[in-house]
Protein backbone atom coordinates (compact mmCIF):
# COMPACT_ATOMS: atom_id res chain seq x y z
CA UNK A 1 198.86 138.95 201.20
CA UNK A 2 195.40 139.74 199.83
CA UNK A 3 192.40 139.63 202.18
CA UNK A 4 189.22 137.99 200.87
CA UNK A 5 185.63 137.77 202.09
CA UNK A 6 184.12 134.37 202.85
CA UNK A 7 180.55 133.64 203.86
CA UNK A 8 179.80 131.32 206.79
CA UNK A 9 176.76 129.02 206.85
CA UNK A 10 175.81 127.29 210.10
CA UNK A 11 173.52 124.29 209.62
CA UNK A 12 171.88 122.10 212.21
CA UNK A 13 170.59 118.62 211.43
CA UNK A 14 168.32 117.52 214.27
CA UNK A 15 167.75 113.94 215.41
CA UNK A 16 164.04 114.23 214.49
CA UNK A 17 164.95 114.78 210.81
CA UNK A 18 164.44 118.54 210.73
CA UNK A 19 167.14 120.96 209.65
CA UNK A 20 167.95 124.64 209.90
CA UNK A 21 170.58 126.80 208.26
CA UNK A 22 171.58 130.43 208.25
CA UNK A 23 174.27 132.66 206.88
CA UNK A 24 175.76 134.22 209.96
CA UNK A 25 178.53 136.51 208.74
CA UNK A 26 181.20 137.19 206.21
CA UNK A 27 184.77 136.53 207.29
CA UNK A 28 187.77 138.54 206.08
CA UNK A 29 190.84 136.29 205.79
CA UNK A 30 193.80 135.49 203.56
CA UNK A 31 192.62 131.87 203.12
CA UNK A 32 189.18 130.31 203.28
CA UNK A 33 188.58 128.82 206.75
CA UNK A 34 188.03 125.07 206.91
CA UNK A 35 184.52 123.84 207.56
CA UNK A 36 183.79 121.41 210.36
CA UNK A 37 181.09 119.19 211.90
CA UNK A 38 180.37 118.77 215.60
CA UNK A 39 178.05 116.19 217.10
CA UNK A 40 175.85 117.72 219.79
CA UNK A 41 173.33 116.03 222.06
CA UNK A 42 170.28 116.52 219.81
CA UNK A 43 171.75 117.62 216.47
CA UNK A 44 174.81 117.72 214.25
CA UNK A 45 176.28 121.19 213.78
CA UNK A 46 177.90 121.90 210.41
CA UNK A 47 179.89 125.04 209.66
CA UNK A 48 180.87 125.72 206.04
CA UNK A 49 182.52 128.65 204.30
CA UNK A 50 181.85 129.89 200.76
CA UNK A 51 183.53 132.29 198.36
CA UNK A 52 180.31 134.12 197.41
CA UNK A 53 177.07 135.06 199.09
CA UNK A 54 175.16 133.27 196.32
CA UNK A 55 176.96 129.97 197.02
CA UNK A 56 176.24 130.38 200.74
CA UNK A 57 172.57 131.19 200.06
CA UNK A 58 172.12 128.12 197.85
CA UNK A 59 173.81 125.85 200.41
CA UNK A 60 171.63 127.20 203.24
CA UNK A 61 168.49 126.71 201.14
CA UNK A 62 169.48 123.14 200.24
CA UNK A 63 170.09 122.36 203.92
CA UNK A 64 166.67 123.70 204.92
CA UNK A 65 165.04 121.69 202.11
CA UNK A 66 166.76 118.45 203.14
CA UNK A 67 164.30 117.77 205.94
CA UNK A 68 162.90 114.24 205.97
């Protein structure tokens, strides 16, 4: 089966309304990994995967701009 590259964005939404996001790596896999959300003590952690670097970059930028 064909291997593809996927780009991972890790976003943090803090309880004070601030947010951060970064593209941490590209993943080589047959299928795109599923994203997930974890509630932490002071923030929500969101992990998302994208087909292209451009999609990942736009998502990370939108997350950073979502601050209250």
